[in-house]
């Protein structure tokens, strides 16, 4: 139970942001201008 508590605490501190960070690495195409020559927006 003590080890579980430590792991839960780490999950509260880092786990959600780690999951969000992993999802953020998914490539999402974003363009500027809307035309054929549109350039990708700066991330």
ModelCIF file with pLDDT and N, C-alpha, C, O atoms, coordinates in Angstrom:
data_MODEL
#
_entry.id   MODEL 
#
_entity.id                         1 
_entity.type                       polymer 
_entity.pdbx_number_of_molecules   1 
#
_entity_poly.entity_id                      1 
_entity_poly.type                           'polypeptide(L)' 
_entity_poly.nstd_linkage                   no 
_entity_poly.nstd_monomer                   no 
_entity_poly.pdbx_seq_one_letter_code       
;(UNK)(UNK)(UNK)(UNK)(UNK)(UNK)(UNK)(UNK)(UNK)(UNK)(UNK)(UNK)(UNK)(UNK)(UNK)(UNK)
(UNK)(UNK)(UNK)(UNK)(UNK)(UNK)(UNK)(UNK)(UNK)(UNK)(UNK)(UNK)(UNK)(UNK)(UNK)(UNK)
(UNK)(UNK)(UNK)(UNK)(UNK)(UNK)(UNK)(UNK)(UNK)(UNK)(UNK)
;
_entity_poly.pdbx_seq_one_letter_code_can   XXXXXXXXXXXXXXXXXXXXXXXXXXXXXXXXXXXXXXXXXXX 
_entity_poly.pdbx_strand_id                 A 
#
loop_
_entity_poly_seq.entity_id 
_entity_poly_seq.num 
_entity_poly_seq.mon_id 
_entity_poly_seq.hetero 
1 1  UNK n 
1 2  UNK n 
1 3  UNK n 
1 4  UNK n 
1 5  UNK n 
1 6  UNK n 
1 7  UNK n 
1 8  UNK n 
1 9  UNK n 
1 10 UNK n 
1 11 UNK n 
1 12 UNK n 
1 13 UNK n 
1 14 UNK n 
1 15 UNK n 
1 16 UNK n 
1 17 UNK n 
1 18 UNK n 
1 19 UNK n 
1 20 UNK n 
1 21 UNK n 
1 22 UNK n 
1 23 UNK n 
1 24 UNK n 
1 25 UNK n 
1 26 UNK n 
1 27 UNK n 
1 28 UNK n 
1 29 UNK n 
1 30 UNK n 
1 31 UNK n 
1 32 UNK n 
1 33 UNK n 
1 34 UNK n 
1 35 UNK n 
1 36 UNK n 
1 37 UNK n 
1 38 UNK n 
1 39 UNK n 
1 40 UNK n 
1 41 UNK n 
1 42 UNK n 
1 43 UNK n 
#
_struct_asym.id          A 
_struct_asym.entity_id   1 
#
loop_
_ma_qa_metric.id 
_ma_qa_metric.mode 
_ma_qa_metric.name 
_ma_qa_metric.software_group_id 
_ma_qa_metric.type 
1 global pLDDT . pLDDT 
2 local  pLDDT . pLDDT 
#
_ma_qa_metric_global.metric_id      1 
_ma_qa_metric_global.metric_value   61.81 
_ma_qa_metric_global.model_id       1 
_ma_qa_metric_global.ordinal_id     1 
#
loop_
_ma_qa_metric_local.label_asym_id 
_ma_qa_metric_local.label_comp_id 
_ma_qa_metric_local.label_seq_id 
_ma_qa_metric_local.metric_id 
_ma_qa_metric_local.metric_value 
_ma_qa_metric_local.model_id 
_ma_qa_metric_local.ordinal_id 
A UNK 1  2 97.00 1 1  
A UNK 2  2 96.00 1 2  
A UNK 3  2 96.00 1 3  
A UNK 4  2 96.00 1 4  
A UNK 5  2 95.00 1 5  
A UNK 6  2 94.00 1 6  
A UNK 7  2 93.00 1 7  
A UNK 8  2 93.00 1 8  
A UNK 9  2 91.00 1 9  
A UNK 10 2 90.00 1 10 
A UNK 11 2 89.00 1 11 
A UNK 12 2 86.00 1 12 
A UNK 13 2 83.00 1 13 
A UNK 14 2 82.00 1 14 
A UNK 15 2 66.00 1 15 
A UNK 16 2 58.00 1 16 
A UNK 17 2 48.00 1 17 
A UNK 18 2 46.00 1 18 
A UNK 19 2 45.00 1 19 
A UNK 20 2 45.00 1 20 
A UNK 21 2 45.00 1 21 
A UNK 22 2 43.00 1 22 
A UNK 23 2 45.00 1 23 
A UNK 24 2 44.00 1 24 
A UNK 25 2 47.00 1 25 
A UNK 26 2 48.00 1 26 
A UNK 27 2 47.00 1 27 
A UNK 28 2 45.00 1 28 
A UNK 29 2 47.00 1 29 
A UNK 30 2 46.00 1 30 
A UNK 31 2 45.00 1 31 
A UNK 32 2 46.00 1 32 
A UNK 33 2 48.00 1 33 
A UNK 34 2 47.00 1 34 
A UNK 35 2 47.00 1 35 
A UNK 36 2 45.00 1 36 
A UNK 37 2 48.00 1 37 
A UNK 38 2 46.00 1 38 
A UNK 39 2 48.00 1 39 
A UNK 40 2 49.00 1 40 
A UNK 41 2 48.00 1 41 
A UNK 42 2 48.00 1 42 
A UNK 43 2 47.00 1 43 
#
loop_
_atom_site.group_PDB 
_atom_site.id 
_atom_site.type_symbol 
_atom_site.label_atom_id 
_atom_site.label_alt_id 
_atom_site.label_comp_id 
_atom_site.label_asym_id 
_atom_site.label_entity_id 
_atom_site.label_seq_id 
_atom_site.pdbx_PDB_ins_code 
_atom_site.Cartn_x 
_atom_site.Cartn_y 
_atom_site.Cartn_z 
_atom_site.occupancy 
_atom_site.B_iso_or_equiv 
_atom_site.pdbx_formal_charge 
_atom_site.auth_seq_id 
_atom_site.auth_comp_id 
_atom_site.auth_asym_id 
_atom_site.auth_atom_id 
_atom_site.pdbx_PDB_model_num 
ATOM 1   N N  . UNK A 1 1  ? 0.831  -1.207 0.000   1.00 97.00 ? 1  UNK A N  1 
ATOM 2   C CA . UNK A 1 1  ? 0.000  0.000  0.000   1.00 97.00 ? 1  UNK A CA 1 
ATOM 3   C C  . UNK A 1 1  ? 0.868  1.261  0.000   1.00 97.00 ? 1  UNK A C  1 
ATOM 4   O O  . UNK A 1 1  ? 0.521  2.255  -0.637  1.00 97.00 ? 1  UNK A O  1 
ATOM 5   N N  . UNK A 1 2  ? 1.999  1.218  0.717   1.00 96.00 ? 2  UNK A N  1 
ATOM 6   C CA . UNK A 1 2  ? 2.903  2.374  0.720   1.00 96.00 ? 2  UNK A CA 1 
ATOM 7   C C  . UNK A 1 2  ? 3.504  2.588  -0.668  1.00 96.00 ? 2  UNK A C  1 
ATOM 8   O O  . UNK A 1 2  ? 3.556  3.720  -1.150  1.00 96.00 ? 2  UNK A O  1 
ATOM 9   N N  . UNK A 1 3  ? 3.962  1.505  -1.320  1.00 96.00 ? 3  UNK A N  1 
ATOM 10  C CA . UNK A 1 3  ? 4.500  1.627  -2.669  1.00 96.00 ? 3  UNK A CA 1 
ATOM 11  C C  . UNK A 1 3  ? 3.432  2.109  -3.647  1.00 96.00 ? 3  UNK A C  1 
ATOM 12  O O  . UNK A 1 3  ? 3.712  2.913  -4.536  1.00 96.00 ? 3  UNK A O  1 
ATOM 13  N N  . UNK A 1 4  ? 2.202  1.612  -3.477  1.00 96.00 ? 4  UNK A N  1 
ATOM 14  C CA . UNK A 1 4  ? 1.105  2.061  -4.333  1.00 96.00 ? 4  UNK A CA 1 
ATOM 15  C C  . UNK A 1 4  ? 0.848  3.546  -4.126  1.00 96.00 ? 4  UNK A C  1 
ATOM 16  O O  . UNK A 1 4  ? 0.620  4.278  -5.090  1.00 96.00 ? 4  UNK A O  1 
ATOM 17  N N  . UNK A 1 5  ? 0.882  3.994  -2.880  1.00 95.00 ? 5  UNK A N  1 
ATOM 18  C CA . UNK A 1 5  ? 0.672  5.408  -2.585  1.00 95.00 ? 5  UNK A CA 1 
ATOM 19  C C  . UNK A 1 5  ? 1.712  6.280  -3.275  1.00 95.00 ? 5  UNK A C  1 
ATOM 20  O O  . UNK A 1 5  ? 1.388  7.331  -3.829  1.00 95.00 ? 5  UNK A O  1 
ATOM 21  N N  . UNK A 1 6  ? 2.978  5.829  -3.234  1.00 94.00 ? 6  UNK A N  1 
ATOM 22  C CA . UNK A 1 6  ? 4.044  6.589  -3.897  1.00 94.00 ? 6  UNK A CA 1 
ATOM 23  C C  . UNK A 1 6  ? 3.792  6.652  -5.397  1.00 94.00 ? 6  UNK A C  1 
ATOM 24  O O  . UNK A 1 6  ? 3.949  7.708  -6.011  1.00 94.00 ? 6  UNK A O  1 
ATOM 25  N N  . UNK A 1 7  ? 3.402  5.528  -5.988  1.00 93.00 ? 7  UNK A N  1 
ATOM 26  C CA . UNK A 1 7  ? 3.134  5.506  -7.430  1.00 93.00 ? 7  UNK A CA 1 
ATOM 27  C C  . UNK A 1 7  ? 1.941  6.391  -7.785  1.00 93.00 ? 7  UNK A C  1 
ATOM 28  O O  . UNK A 1 7  ? 1.970  7.091  -8.798  1.00 93.00 ? 7  UNK A O  1 
ATOM 29  N N  . UNK A 1 8  ? 0.892  6.365  -6.960  1.00 93.00 ? 8  UNK A N  1 
ATOM 30  C CA . UNK A 1 8  ? -0.251 7.243  -7.202  1.00 93.00 ? 8  UNK A CA 1 
ATOM 31  C C  . UNK A 1 8  ? 0.162  8.716  -7.107  1.00 93.00 ? 8  UNK A C  1 
ATOM 32  O O  . UNK A 1 8  ? -0.288 9.542  -7.900  1.00 93.00 ? 8  UNK A O  1 
ATOM 33  N N  . UNK A 1 9  ? 1.021  9.039  -6.132  1.00 91.00 ? 9  UNK A N  1 
ATOM 34  C CA . UNK A 1 9  ? 1.489  10.413 -5.983  1.00 91.00 ? 9  UNK A CA 1 
ATOM 35  C C  . UNK A 1 9  ? 2.280  10.853 -7.212  1.00 91.00 ? 9  UNK A C  1 
ATOM 36  O O  . UNK A 1 9  ? 2.128  11.980 -7.683  1.00 91.00 ? 9  UNK A O  1 
ATOM 37  N N  . UNK A 1 10 ? 3.127  9.957  -7.731  1.00 90.00 ? 10 UNK A N  1 
ATOM 38  C CA . UNK A 1 10 ? 3.876  10.274 -8.954  1.00 90.00 ? 10 UNK A CA 1 
ATOM 39  C C  . UNK A 1 10 ? 2.929  10.453 -10.134 1.00 90.00 ? 10 UNK A C  1 
ATOM 40  O O  . UNK A 1 10 ? 3.149  11.297 -11.003 1.00 90.00 ? 10 UNK A O  1 
ATOM 41  N N  . UNK A 1 11 ? 1.872  9.646  -10.151 1.00 89.00 ? 11 UNK A N  1 
ATOM 42  C CA . UNK A 1 11 ? 0.890  9.784  -11.222 1.00 89.00 ? 11 UNK A CA 1 
ATOM 43  C C  . UNK A 1 11 ? 0.183  11.132 -11.144 1.00 89.00 ? 11 UNK A C  1 
ATOM 44  O O  . UNK A 1 11 ? -0.063 11.766 -12.170 1.00 89.00 ? 11 UNK A O  1 
ATOM 45  N N  . UNK A 1 12 ? -0.146 11.572 -9.925  1.00 86.00 ? 12 UNK A N  1 
ATOM 46  C CA . UNK A 1 12 ? -0.769 12.886 -9.769  1.00 86.00 ? 12 UNK A CA 1 
ATOM 47  C C  . UNK A 1 12 ? 0.180  13.999 -10.196 1.00 86.00 ? 12 UNK A C  1 
ATOM 48  O O  . UNK A 1 12 ? -0.232 14.983 -10.810 1.00 86.00 ? 12 UNK A O  1 
ATOM 49  N N  . UNK A 1 13 ? 1.454  13.828 -9.861  1.00 83.00 ? 13 UNK A N  1 
ATOM 50  C CA . UNK A 1 13 ? 2.422  14.881 -10.151 1.00 83.00 ? 13 UNK A CA 1 
ATOM 51  C C  . UNK A 1 13 ? 2.842  14.931 -11.614 1.00 83.00 ? 13 UNK A C  1 
ATOM 52  O O  . UNK A 1 13 ? 3.008  16.011 -12.181 1.00 83.00 ? 13 UNK A O  1 
ATOM 53  N N  . UNK A 1 14 ? 3.014  13.751 -12.228 1.00 82.00 ? 14 UNK A N  1 
ATOM 54  C CA . UNK A 1 14 ? 3.567  13.708 -13.580 1.00 82.00 ? 14 UNK A CA 1 
ATOM 55  C C  . UNK A 1 14 ? 2.717  12.965 -14.592 1.00 82.00 ? 14 UNK A C  1 
ATOM 56  O O  . UNK A 1 14 ? 2.799  13.233 -15.791 1.00 82.00 ? 14 UNK A O  1 
ATOM 57  N N  . UNK A 1 15 ? 1.908  12.040 -14.123 1.00 66.00 ? 15 UNK A N  1 
ATOM 58  C CA . UNK A 1 15 ? 1.239  11.123 -15.042 1.00 66.00 ? 15 UNK A CA 1 
ATOM 59  C C  . UNK A 1 15 ? 0.347  11.793 -16.056 1.00 66.00 ? 15 UNK A C  1 
ATOM 60  O O  . UNK A 1 15 ? 0.409  11.472 -17.242 1.00 66.00 ? 15 UNK A O  1 
ATOM 61  N N  . UNK A 1 16 ? -0.498 12.736 -15.607 1.00 58.00 ? 16 UNK A N  1 
ATOM 62  C CA . UNK A 1 16 ? -1.414 13.382 -16.535 1.00 58.00 ? 16 UNK A CA 1 
ATOM 63  C C  . UNK A 1 16 ? -0.678 14.212 -17.566 1.00 58.00 ? 16 UNK A C  1 
ATOM 64  O O  . UNK A 1 16 ? -1.012 14.197 -18.751 1.00 58.00 ? 16 UNK A O  1 
ATOM 65  N N  . UNK A 1 17 ? 0.341  14.946 -17.097 1.00 48.00 ? 17 UNK A N  1 
ATOM 66  C CA . UNK A 1 17 ? 1.097  15.751 -18.053 1.00 48.00 ? 17 UNK A CA 1 
ATOM 67  C C  . UNK A 1 17 ? 1.891  14.872 -19.000 1.00 48.00 ? 17 UNK A C  1 
ATOM 68  O O  . UNK A 1 17 ? 2.106  15.246 -20.153 1.00 48.00 ? 17 UNK A O  1 
ATOM 69  N N  . UNK A 1 18 ? 2.338  13.693 -18.529 1.00 46.00 ? 18 UNK A N  1 
ATOM 70  C CA . UNK A 1 18 ? 3.056  12.778 -19.413 1.00 46.00 ? 18 UNK A CA 1 
ATOM 71  C C  . UNK A 1 18 ? 2.141  12.253 -20.504 1.00 46.00 ? 18 UNK A C  1 
ATOM 72  O O  . UNK A 1 18 ? 2.539  12.162 -21.666 1.00 46.00 ? 18 UNK A O  1 
ATOM 73  N N  . UNK A 1 19 ? 0.903  11.906 -20.127 1.00 45.00 ? 19 UNK A N  1 
ATOM 74  C CA . UNK A 1 19 ? -0.059 11.439 -21.118 1.00 45.00 ? 19 UNK A CA 1 
ATOM 75  C C  . UNK A 1 19 ? -0.377 12.532 -22.124 1.00 45.00 ? 19 UNK A C  1 
ATOM 76  O O  . UNK A 1 19 ? -0.449 12.293 -23.329 1.00 45.00 ? 19 UNK A O  1 
ATOM 77  N N  . UNK A 1 20 ? -0.567 13.743 -21.597 1.00 45.00 ? 20 UNK A N  1 
ATOM 78  C CA . UNK A 1 20 ? -0.858 14.867 -22.492 1.00 45.00 ? 20 UNK A CA 1 
ATOM 79  C C  . UNK A 1 20 ? 0.312  15.143 -23.423 1.00 45.00 ? 20 UNK A C  1 
ATOM 80  O O  . UNK A 1 20 ? 0.121  15.483 -24.590 1.00 45.00 ? 20 UNK A O  1 
ATOM 81  N N  . UNK A 1 21 ? 1.536  14.995 -22.896 1.00 45.00 ? 21 UNK A N  1 
ATOM 82  C CA . UNK A 1 21 ? 2.721  15.217 -23.721 1.00 45.00 ? 21 UNK A CA 1 
ATOM 83  C C  . UNK A 1 21 ? 2.821  14.177 -24.829 1.00 45.00 ? 21 UNK A C  1 
ATOM 84  O O  . UNK A 1 21 ? 3.179  14.497 -25.962 1.00 45.00 ? 21 UNK A O  1 
ATOM 85  N N  . UNK A 1 22 ? 2.499  12.919 -24.490 1.00 43.00 ? 22 UNK A N  1 
ATOM 86  C CA . UNK A 1 22 ? 2.539  11.868 -25.506 1.00 43.00 ? 22 UNK A CA 1 
ATOM 87  C C  . UNK A 1 22 ? 1.525  12.131 -26.610 1.00 43.00 ? 22 UNK A C  1 
ATOM 88  O O  . UNK A 1 22 ? 1.805  11.903 -27.787 1.00 43.00 ? 22 UNK A O  1 
ATOM 89  N N  . UNK A 1 23 ? 0.351  12.609 -26.227 1.00 45.00 ? 23 UNK A N  1 
ATOM 90  C CA . UNK A 1 23 ? -0.659 12.915 -27.230 1.00 45.00 ? 23 UNK A CA 1 
ATOM 91  C C  . UNK A 1 23 ? -0.252 14.117 -28.084 1.00 45.00 ? 23 UNK A C  1 
ATOM 92  O O  . UNK A 1 23 ? -0.572 14.194 -29.270 1.00 45.00 ? 23 UNK A O  1 
ATOM 93  N N  . UNK A 1 24 ? 0.462  15.052 -27.451 1.00 44.00 ? 24 UNK A N  1 
ATOM 94  C CA . UNK A 1 24 ? 0.877  16.245 -28.180 1.00 44.00 ? 24 UNK A CA 1 
ATOM 95  C C  . UNK A 1 24 ? 1.888  15.940 -29.268 1.00 44.00 ? 24 UNK A C  1 
ATOM 96  O O  . UNK A 1 24 ? 2.054  16.723 -30.203 1.00 44.00 ? 24 UNK A O  1 
ATOM 97  N N  . UNK A 1 25 ? 2.580  14.779 -29.150 1.00 47.00 ? 25 UNK A N  1 
ATOM 98  C CA . UNK A 1 25 ? 3.565  14.408 -30.163 1.00 47.00 ? 25 UNK A CA 1 
ATOM 99  C C  . UNK A 1 25 ? 2.932  13.910 -31.445 1.00 47.00 ? 25 UNK A C  1 
ATOM 100 O O  . UNK A 1 25 ? 3.621  13.742 -32.452 1.00 47.00 ? 25 UNK A O  1 
ATOM 101 N N  . UNK A 1 26 ? 1.613  13.669 -31.423 1.00 48.00 ? 26 UNK A N  1 
ATOM 102 C CA . UNK A 1 26 ? 0.924  13.248 -32.629 1.00 48.00 ? 26 UNK A CA 1 
ATOM 103 C C  . UNK A 1 26 ? 0.981  14.376 -33.658 1.00 48.00 ? 26 UNK A C  1 
ATOM 104 O O  . UNK A 1 26 ? 0.625  15.505 -33.318 1.00 48.00 ? 26 UNK A O  1 
ATOM 105 N N  . UNK A 1 27 ? 1.405  14.133 -34.887 1.00 47.00 ? 27 UNK A N  1 
ATOM 106 C CA . UNK A 1 27 ? 1.506  15.208 -35.882 1.00 47.00 ? 27 UNK A CA 1 
ATOM 107 C C  . UNK A 1 27 ? 0.119  15.702 -36.294 1.00 47.00 ? 27 UNK A C  1 
ATOM 108 O O  . UNK A 1 27 ? -0.745 14.916 -36.683 1.00 47.00 ? 27 UNK A O  1 
ATOM 109 N N  . UNK A 1 28 ? -0.075 17.014 -36.201 1.00 45.00 ? 28 UNK A N  1 
ATOM 110 C CA . UNK A 1 28 ? -1.335 17.634 -36.608 1.00 45.00 ? 28 UNK A CA 1 
ATOM 111 C C  . UNK A 1 28 ? -1.016 18.666 -37.675 1.00 45.00 ? 28 UNK A C  1 
ATOM 112 O O  . UNK A 1 28 ? -0.392 19.683 -37.371 1.00 45.00 ? 28 UNK A O  1 
ATOM 113 N N  . UNK A 1 29 ? -1.433 18.432 -38.940 1.00 47.00 ? 29 UNK A N  1 
ATOM 114 C CA . UNK A 1 29 ? -1.116 19.376 -40.006 1.00 47.00 ? 29 UNK A CA 1 
ATOM 115 C C  . UNK A 1 29 ? -1.882 20.680 -39.832 1.00 47.00 ? 29 UNK A C  1 
ATOM 116 O O  . UNK A 1 29 ? -3.110 20.685 -39.757 1.00 47.00 ? 29 UNK A O  1 
ATOM 117 N N  . UNK A 1 30 ? -1.154 21.769 -39.769 1.00 46.00 ? 30 UNK A N  1 
ATOM 118 C CA . UNK A 1 30 ? -1.755 23.093 -39.665 1.00 46.00 ? 30 UNK A CA 1 
ATOM 119 C C  . UNK A 1 30 ? -1.139 23.967 -40.740 1.00 46.00 ? 30 UNK A C  1 
ATOM 120 O O  . UNK A 1 30 ? 0.086  24.051 -40.828 1.00 46.00 ? 30 UNK A O  1 
ATOM 121 N N  . UNK A 1 31 ? -1.944 24.618 -41.558 1.00 45.00 ? 31 UNK A N  1 
ATOM 122 C CA . UNK A 1 31 ? -1.459 25.461 -42.649 1.00 45.00 ? 31 UNK A CA 1 
ATOM 123 C C  . UNK A 1 31 ? -1.917 26.884 -42.454 1.00 45.00 ? 31 UNK A C  1 
ATOM 124 O O  . UNK A 1 31 ? -2.885 27.149 -41.741 1.00 45.00 ? 31 UNK A O  1 
ATOM 125 N N  . UNK A 1 32 ? -1.220 27.791 -43.087 1.00 46.00 ? 32 UNK A N  1 
ATOM 126 C CA . UNK A 1 32 ? -1.538 29.221 -43.033 1.00 46.00 ? 32 UNK A CA 1 
ATOM 127 C C  . UNK A 1 32 ? -1.874 29.688 -44.438 1.00 46.00 ? 32 UNK A C  1 
ATOM 128 O O  . UNK A 1 32 ? -1.116 29.394 -45.362 1.00 46.00 ? 32 UNK A O  1 
ATOM 129 N N  . UNK A 1 33 ? -2.948 30.384 -44.640 1.00 48.00 ? 33 UNK A N  1 
ATOM 130 C CA . UNK A 1 33 ? -3.312 30.950 -45.934 1.00 48.00 ? 33 UNK A CA 1 
ATOM 131 C C  . UNK A 1 33 ? -4.402 30.188 -46.625 1.00 48.00 ? 33 UNK A C  1 
ATOM 132 O O  . UNK A 1 33 ? -5.243 30.818 -47.266 1.00 48.00 ? 33 UNK A O  1 
ATOM 133 N N  . UNK A 1 34 ? -4.452 28.880 -46.543 1.00 47.00 ? 34 UNK A N  1 
ATOM 134 C CA . UNK A 1 34 ? -5.524 28.091 -47.113 1.00 47.00 ? 34 UNK A CA 1 
ATOM 135 C C  . UNK A 1 34 ? -5.339 27.766 -48.575 1.00 47.00 ? 34 UNK A C  1 
ATOM 136 O O  . UNK A 1 34 ? -6.168 27.033 -49.115 1.00 47.00 ? 34 UNK A O  1 
ATOM 137 N N  . UNK A 1 35 ? -4.331 28.245 -49.254 1.00 47.00 ? 35 UNK A N  1 
ATOM 138 C CA . UNK A 1 35 ? -4.132 27.981 -50.676 1.00 47.00 ? 35 UNK A CA 1 
ATOM 139 C C  . UNK A 1 35 ? -3.197 26.828 -50.911 1.00 47.00 ? 35 UNK A C  1 
ATOM 140 O O  . UNK A 1 35 ? -2.750 26.165 -49.975 1.00 47.00 ? 35 UNK A O  1 
ATOM 141 N N  . UNK A 1 36 ? -2.902 26.593 -52.187 1.00 45.00 ? 36 UNK A N  1 
ATOM 142 C CA . UNK A 1 36 ? -2.030 25.481 -52.558 1.00 45.00 ? 36 UNK A CA 1 
ATOM 143 C C  . UNK A 1 36 ? -0.611 25.712 -52.089 1.00 45.00 ? 36 UNK A C  1 
ATOM 144 O O  . UNK A 1 36 ? 0.135  24.781 -51.784 1.00 45.00 ? 36 UNK A O  1 
ATOM 145 N N  . UNK A 1 37 ? -0.256 27.013 -52.041 1.00 48.00 ? 37 UNK A N  1 
ATOM 146 C CA . UNK A 1 37 ? 1.108  27.334 -51.640 1.00 48.00 ? 37 UNK A CA 1 
ATOM 147 C C  . UNK A 1 37 ? 1.214  27.647 -50.148 1.00 48.00 ? 37 UNK A C  1 
ATOM 148 O O  . UNK A 1 37 ? 2.189  28.239 -49.684 1.00 48.00 ? 37 UNK A O  1 
ATOM 149 N N  . UNK A 1 38 ? 0.198  27.239 -49.423 1.00 46.00 ? 38 UNK A N  1 
ATOM 150 C CA . UNK A 1 38 ? 0.185  27.567 -47.996 1.00 46.00 ? 38 UNK A CA 1 
ATOM 151 C C  . UNK A 1 38 ? 1.356  26.893 -47.291 1.00 46.00 ? 38 UNK A C  1 
ATOM 152 O O  . UNK A 1 38 ? 1.725  25.764 -47.617 1.00 46.00 ? 38 UNK A O  1 
ATOM 153 N N  . UNK A 1 39 ? 1.927  27.587 -46.337 1.00 48.00 ? 39 UNK A N  1 
ATOM 154 C CA . UNK A 1 39 ? 3.065  27.069 -45.577 1.00 48.00 ? 39 UNK A CA 1 
ATOM 155 C C  . UNK A 1 39 ? 2.596  26.606 -44.207 1.00 48.00 ? 39 UNK A C  1 
ATOM 156 O O  . UNK A 1 39 ? 1.643  27.163 -43.662 1.00 48.00 ? 39 UNK A O  1 
ATOM 157 N N  . UNK A 1 40 ? 3.242  25.606 -43.647 1.00 49.00 ? 40 UNK A N  1 
ATOM 158 C CA . UNK A 1 40 ? 2.865  25.150 -42.312 1.00 49.00 ? 40 UNK A CA 1 
ATOM 159 C C  . UNK A 1 40 ? 3.057  26.256 -41.290 1.00 49.00 ? 40 UNK A C  1 
ATOM 160 O O  . UNK A 1 40 ? 4.023  27.016 -41.352 1.00 49.00 ? 40 UNK A O  1 
ATOM 161 N N  . UNK A 1 41 ? 2.127  26.337 -40.351 1.00 48.00 ? 41 UNK A N  1 
ATOM 162 C CA . UNK A 1 41 ? 2.246  27.340 -39.298 1.00 48.00 ? 41 UNK A CA 1 
ATOM 163 C C  . UNK A 1 41 ? 3.368  26.944 -38.347 1.00 48.00 ? 41 UNK A C  1 
ATOM 164 O O  . UNK A 1 41 ? 3.641  25.760 -38.147 1.00 48.00 ? 41 UNK A O  1 
ATOM 165 N N  . UNK A 1 42 ? 4.004  27.932 -37.773 1.00 48.00 ? 42 UNK A N  1 
ATOM 166 C CA . UNK A 1 42 ? 5.094  27.669 -36.844 1.00 48.00 ? 42 UNK A CA 1 
ATOM 167 C C  . UNK A 1 42 ? 4.531  27.111 -35.538 1.00 48.00 ? 42 UNK A C  1 
ATOM 168 O O  . UNK A 1 42 ? 3.617  27.694 -34.956 1.00 48.00 ? 42 UNK A O  1 
ATOM 169 N N  . UNK A 1 43 ? 5.062  26.014 -35.092 1.00 47.00 ? 43 UNK A N  1 
ATOM 170 C CA . UNK A 1 43 ? 4.548  25.368 -33.883 1.00 47.00 ? 43 UNK A CA 1 
ATOM 171 C C  . UNK A 1 43 ? 4.886  26.194 -32.658 1.00 47.00 ? 43 UNK A C  1 
ATOM 172 O O  . UNK A 1 43 ? 4.536  25.813 -31.541 1.00 47.00 ? 43 UNK A O  1 
#
